[in-house]
Amino acid sequence: MLLPSLNLQRSYDKVKFFTILQFVLVLIAFFSEAFLTRSMFYFSFIFQTILLLAVYNFYYNALSNLYYSYWNLSLIVAIYYLVSLIRNFAVGFPMIGVLFAISLCLLVTACYIVSSPLYFPRVHWWEYDFRFRADIRCWVEIDGQQYLGRLSDLRRGAACLELFQHTPVKQPVQIHLDVLNQNFTLHAEVRSKREPIIGRSIIYGIKFVNFDLEQKQRLKLLTNYWRESKKIKIRNKFASTQK
């Protein structure tokens, strides 16, 4: 895994940097523990080294390509960090335990950053009935042209936009909405893009911009409306299945 060119002003690049830093710290801790316990010349150490390198390779690739397997691998890696730090504190190697503890903190921070809709939107692929889909119909204006889209997963000043129209990353868009008898427009920018499966729309991660007071109030209204609408649709779905 080579060190890529990173711009640490961007949150996604920060996550990649945190992941690489974890890898470096864990390697130092792993080899230090093996040296202190004199297990470096055993076959089990060679096997564990190969396994560790393979897991990190899959882990970084999952992050780079935004595969949802990233979360399963994050859980496995977090358990490894936790067990390792407890073991090293218990056997009297606190400095090695600290390295695993720092790696665990970096992992939790990275997971929090990429849990944003910009990177891993919560899309309910299994829900085919649009009556119960947790999304909001909207019109998306791109370069003067309007297209029908759907907004979902509104969190942390971002959202998931489902759209059949292709548009590049960093493209400014305007979201026109009619919510609670109020017509308004929100300004956003495309930050990520997921190619669709057959018959599905393209999934865009959008970041809302131009945060003046009016925009903040409108975004708060939209977010609250989406959350309440989602709760109502879930209740209606369960009510319909029980009939």
Protein backbone atom coordinates (compact mmCIF):
# COMPACT_ATOMS: atom_id res chain seq x y z
CA MET A 1 0.00 0.00 0.00
CA LEU A 2 1.74 3.12 -1.22
CA LEU A 3 1.25 6.52 0.34
CA PRO A 4 -1.02 8.48 -2.04
CA SER A 5 -0.97 12.21 -2.64
CA LEU A 6 -3.26 13.56 0.07
CA ASN A 7 -4.94 16.88 0.67
CA LEU A 8 -5.58 16.89 4.41
CA GLN A 9 -8.03 19.77 4.06
CA ARG A 10 -10.51 17.26 2.62
CA SER A 11 -12.27 14.95 5.07
CA TYR A 12 -11.94 11.89 2.82
CA ASP A 13 -8.19 12.38 2.51
CA LYS A 14 -8.00 12.72 6.28
CA VAL A 15 -9.64 9.32 6.61
CA LYS A 16 -7.12 7.79 4.22
CA PHE A 17 -4.28 9.40 6.18
CA PHE A 18 -5.70 8.09 9.48
CA THR A 19 -5.93 4.60 7.94
CA ILE A 20 -2.32 4.68 6.75
CA LEU A 21 -1.20 6.01 10.14
CA GLN A 22 -3.05 3.15 11.83
CA PHE A 23 -1.20 0.70 9.61
CA VAL A 24 2.18 2.18 10.52
CA LEU A 25 1.46 2.27 14.27
CA VAL A 26 0.10 -1.26 14.32
CA LEU A 27 3.09 -2.60 12.40
CA ILE A 28 5.43 -0.96 14.93
CA ALA A 29 3.40 -2.39 17.81
CA PHE A 30 3.15 -5.83 16.18
CA PHE A 31 6.89 -6.17 15.56
CA SER A 32 7.75 -4.70 18.96
CA GLU A 33 5.54 -7.24 20.71
CA ALA A 34 7.04 -10.07 18.67
CA PHE A 35 10.57 -8.89 19.54
CA LEU A 36 9.84 -8.64 23.27
CA THR A 37 8.16 -12.05 23.39
CA ARG A 38 10.88 -13.60 21.16
CA SER A 39 8.30 -14.99 18.71
CA MET A 40 9.74 -13.42 15.54
CA PHE A 41 11.31 -16.69 14.34
CA TYR A 42 8.22 -18.85 14.70
CA PHE A 43 6.05 -19.82 11.73
CA SER A 44 2.99 -18.39 13.50
CA PHE A 45 4.60 -14.93 13.41
CA ILE A 46 5.19 -15.17 9.65
CA PHE A 47 1.61 -16.33 9.12
CA GLN A 48 0.22 -13.50 11.28
CA THR A 49 2.32 -10.94 9.38
CA ILE A 50 1.01 -12.13 6.02
CA LEU A 51 -2.55 -12.15 7.36
CA LEU A 52 -2.18 -8.64 8.78
CA LEU A 53 -0.84 -7.28 5.48
CA ALA A 54 -3.64 -8.98 3.53
CA VAL A 55 -6.36 -7.61 5.82
CA TYR A 56 -4.99 -4.07 5.58
CA ASN A 57 -4.76 -4.35 1.81
CA PHE A 58 -8.45 -5.34 1.57
CA TYR A 59 -9.33 -2.71 4.16
CA TYR A 60 -7.67 0.16 2.30
CA ASN A 61 -9.14 -0.97 -1.03
CA ALA A 62 -12.61 -1.08 0.51
CA LEU A 63 -12.13 2.49 1.76
CA SER A 64 -10.69 3.74 -1.54
CA ASN A 65 -13.59 2.30 -3.54
CA LEU A 66 -16.23 3.06 -0.87
CA TYR A 67 -17.33 -0.56 -0.62
CA TYR A 68 -19.79 -1.30 2.17
CA SER A 69 -17.50 -4.17 3.22
CA TYR A 70 -15.43 -1.38 4.81
CA TRP A 71 -17.74 -1.52 7.83
CA ASN A 72 -17.36 -5.27 8.34
CA LEU A 73 -13.60 -4.98 8.09
CA SER A 74 -13.62 -1.98 10.45
CA LEU A 75 -15.36 -4.08 13.07
CA ILE A 76 -12.80 -6.89 12.68
CA VAL A 77 -9.89 -4.45 12.88
CA ALA A 78 -11.40 -2.68 15.90
CA ILE A 79 -11.75 -5.99 17.76
CA TYR A 80 -8.11 -6.80 16.94
CA TYR A 81 -6.97 -3.41 18.29
CA LEU A 82 -9.05 -3.80 21.45
CA VAL A 83 -7.84 -7.34 22.20
CA SER A 84 -4.23 -6.36 21.49
CA LEU A 85 -4.24 -3.30 23.73
CA ILE A 86 -5.84 -5.24 26.61
CA ARG A 87 -3.30 -8.06 26.20
CA ASN A 88 -0.29 -5.73 26.17
CA PHE A 89 -1.46 -3.74 29.19
CA ALA A 90 -2.09 -7.04 31.01
CA VAL A 91 1.35 -8.57 30.29
CA GLY A 92 3.31 -5.41 31.10
CA PHE A 93 3.90 -3.78 27.72
CA PRO A 94 1.97 -0.51 28.23
CA MET A 95 3.76 1.45 25.46
CA ILE A 96 2.69 -1.15 22.89
CA GLY A 97 -0.80 -1.02 24.33
CA VAL A 98 -0.81 2.76 23.85
CA LEU A 99 0.00 2.32 20.15
CA PHE A 100 -3.02 0.05 19.73
CA ALA A 101 -5.15 2.49 21.74
CA ILE A 102 -4.13 5.38 19.44
CA SER A 103 -4.90 3.23 16.41
CA LEU A 104 -8.34 2.44 17.83
CA CYS A 105 -9.05 6.16 18.32
CA LEU A 106 -7.96 6.88 14.75
CA LEU A 107 -10.23 4.09 13.49
CA VAL A 108 -13.27 5.42 15.38
CA THR A 109 -12.59 8.96 14.12
CA ALA A 110 -12.24 7.76 10.52
CA CYS A 111 -15.47 5.74 10.73
CA TYR A 112 -17.33 8.76 12.05
CA ILE A 113 -16.12 10.97 9.19
CA VAL A 114 -17.03 8.54 6.40
CA SER A 115 -20.41 7.64 7.95
CA SER A 116 -21.62 10.84 6.27
CA PRO A 117 -24.07 10.56 3.32
CA LEU A 118 -21.23 11.91 1.18
CA TYR A 119 -19.45 8.56 1.34
CA PHE A 120 -21.74 5.84 2.67
CA PRO A 121 -25.38 6.85 2.22
CA ARG A 122 -28.04 4.79 3.95
CA VAL A 123 -29.90 3.61 0.88
CA HIS A 124 -32.74 1.12 1.39
CA TRP A 125 -32.20 -0.97 -1.74
CA TRP A 126 -34.66 -3.60 -0.51
CA GLU A 127 -37.59 -1.19 -0.40
CA TYR A 128 -39.28 -1.33 -3.81
CA ASP A 129 -42.60 0.19 -2.74
CA PHE A 130 -42.25 3.96 -3.10
CA ARG A 131 -45.03 4.50 -0.58
CA PHE A 132 -42.61 3.48 2.15
CA ARG A 133 -39.34 4.83 0.75
CA ALA A 134 -37.69 7.28 3.15
CA ASP A 135 -37.08 9.96 0.55
CA ILE A 136 -38.42 13.33 -0.62
CA ARG A 137 -39.28 14.19 -4.19
CA CYS A 138 -37.45 17.23 -5.55
CA TRP A 139 -36.40 18.99 -8.73
CA VAL A 140 -32.68 19.29 -9.37
CA GLU A 141 -31.37 22.16 -11.48
CA ILE A 142 -28.05 21.52 -13.23
CA ASP A 143 -26.66 24.10 -15.68
CA GLY A 144 -30.14 25.55 -16.22
CA GLN A 145 -31.79 22.16 -16.83
CA GLN A 146 -34.20 20.59 -14.33
CA TYR A 147 -34.48 16.89 -13.55
CA LEU A 148 -36.68 14.91 -11.18
CA GLY A 149 -34.80 13.46 -8.21
CA ARG A 150 -35.22 12.15 -4.70
CA LEU A 151 -33.48 13.23 -1.49
CA SER A 152 -32.80 10.91 1.42
CA ASP A 153 -30.45 10.37 4.36
CA LEU A 154 -30.23 14.02 5.42
CA ARG A 155 -27.48 14.21 8.04
CA ARG A 156 -24.64 16.53 9.03
CA GLY A 157 -25.29 19.16 6.37
CA ALA A 158 -25.30 16.58 3.58
CA ALA A 159 -27.74 14.26 1.83
CA CYS A 160 -28.11 11.42 -0.61
CA LEU A 161 -29.51 12.47 -4.01
CA GLU A 162 -30.94 9.81 -6.33
CA LEU A 163 -30.95 10.99 -9.91
CA PHE A 164 -31.01 9.34 -13.34
CA GLN A 165 -29.07 12.22 -14.90
CA HIS A 166 -25.26 11.95 -15.08
CA THR A 167 -23.33 14.86 -13.59
CA PRO A 168 -19.67 15.13 -12.52
CA VAL A 169 -18.30 15.43 -8.99
CA LYS A 170 -17.90 19.06 -7.77
CA GLN A 171 -20.87 20.11 -9.92
CA PRO A 172 -22.99 22.83 -8.24
CA VAL A 173 -26.68 21.94 -8.11
CA GLN A 174 -29.85 23.63 -6.93
CA ILE A 175 -32.47 21.57 -5.11
CA HIS A 176 -36.04 22.85 -5.51
CA LEU A 177 -38.48 21.55 -2.92
CA ASP A 178 -42.11 21.85 -1.89
CA VAL A 179 -42.29 20.97 1.82
CA LEU A 180 -45.21 21.76 4.15
CA ASN A 181 -46.67 24.18 1.58
CA GLN A 182 -43.36 26.01 1.36
CA ASN A 183 -41.45 26.31 -1.91
CA PHE A 184 -37.75 26.95 -1.53
CA THR A 185 -34.36 26.22 -3.04
CA LEU A 186 -31.22 24.82 -1.44
CA HIS A 187 -27.76 25.16 -2.95
CA ALA A 188 -25.47 22.13 -2.91
CA GLU A 189 -22.42 20.59 -4.53
CA VAL A 190 -21.89 17.02 -5.70
CA ARG A 191 -19.08 15.47 -3.63
CA SER A 192 -19.34 11.76 -4.48
CA LYS A 193 -20.98 9.49 -7.04
CA ARG A 194 -22.04 5.86 -7.02
CA GLU A 195 -22.75 4.18 -10.32
CA PRO A 196 -26.17 2.49 -10.35
CA ILE A 197 -27.08 -1.13 -10.60
CA ILE A 198 -29.40 -2.03 -13.49
CA GLY A 199 -32.71 -0.21 -13.26
CA ARG A 200 -31.60 2.06 -10.43
CA SER A 201 -30.79 5.76 -10.30
CA ILE A 202 -27.30 7.17 -9.72
CA ILE A 203 -26.52 7.85 -6.06
CA TYR A 204 -24.89 11.22 -5.41
CA GLY A 205 -23.52 12.46 -2.12
CA ILE A 206 -24.23 16.18 -1.97
CA LYS A 207 -23.01 18.81 0.47
CA PHE A 208 -25.23 21.81 1.14
CA VAL A 209 -23.41 25.12 0.70
CA ASN A 210 -24.10 28.85 0.98
CA PHE A 211 -25.08 28.63 4.64
CA ASP A 212 -26.66 31.99 5.32
CA LEU A 213 -29.34 32.18 8.02
CA GLU A 214 -32.19 31.54 5.60
CA GLN A 215 -30.49 28.48 4.12
CA LYS A 216 -29.82 27.06 7.59
CA GLN A 217 -33.47 27.46 8.58
CA ARG A 218 -34.66 25.82 5.37
CA LEU A 219 -32.23 22.92 5.75
CA LYS A 220 -33.35 22.42 9.36
CA LEU A 221 -36.98 22.40 8.22
CA LEU A 222 -36.20 19.89 5.48
CA THR A 223 -34.20 17.62 7.80
CA ASN A 224 -36.92 17.58 10.46
CA TYR A 225 -39.58 16.95 7.82
CA TRP A 226 -37.57 14.02 6.39
CA ARG A 227 -37.09 12.46 9.82
CA GLU A 228 -40.77 12.71 10.72
CA SER A 229 -41.80 11.47 7.27
CA LYS A 230 -39.47 8.50 7.67
CA LYS A 231 -41.02 7.58 11.04
CA ILE A 232 -44.54 7.82 9.63
CA LYS A 233 -43.69 5.66 6.62
CA ILE A 234 -42.12 2.99 8.84
CA ARG A 235 -45.24 2.92 11.04
CA ASN A 236 -47.50 2.73 7.98
CA LYS A 237 -45.45 -0.11 6.52
CA PHE A 238 -45.71 -2.21 9.67
CA ALA A 239 -49.40 -1.39 9.98
CA SER A 240 -50.05 -2.54 6.41
CA THR A 241 -48.13 -5.81 6.89
CA GLN A 242 -50.14 -6.66 10.01
CA LYS A 243 -53.49 -6.37 8.23
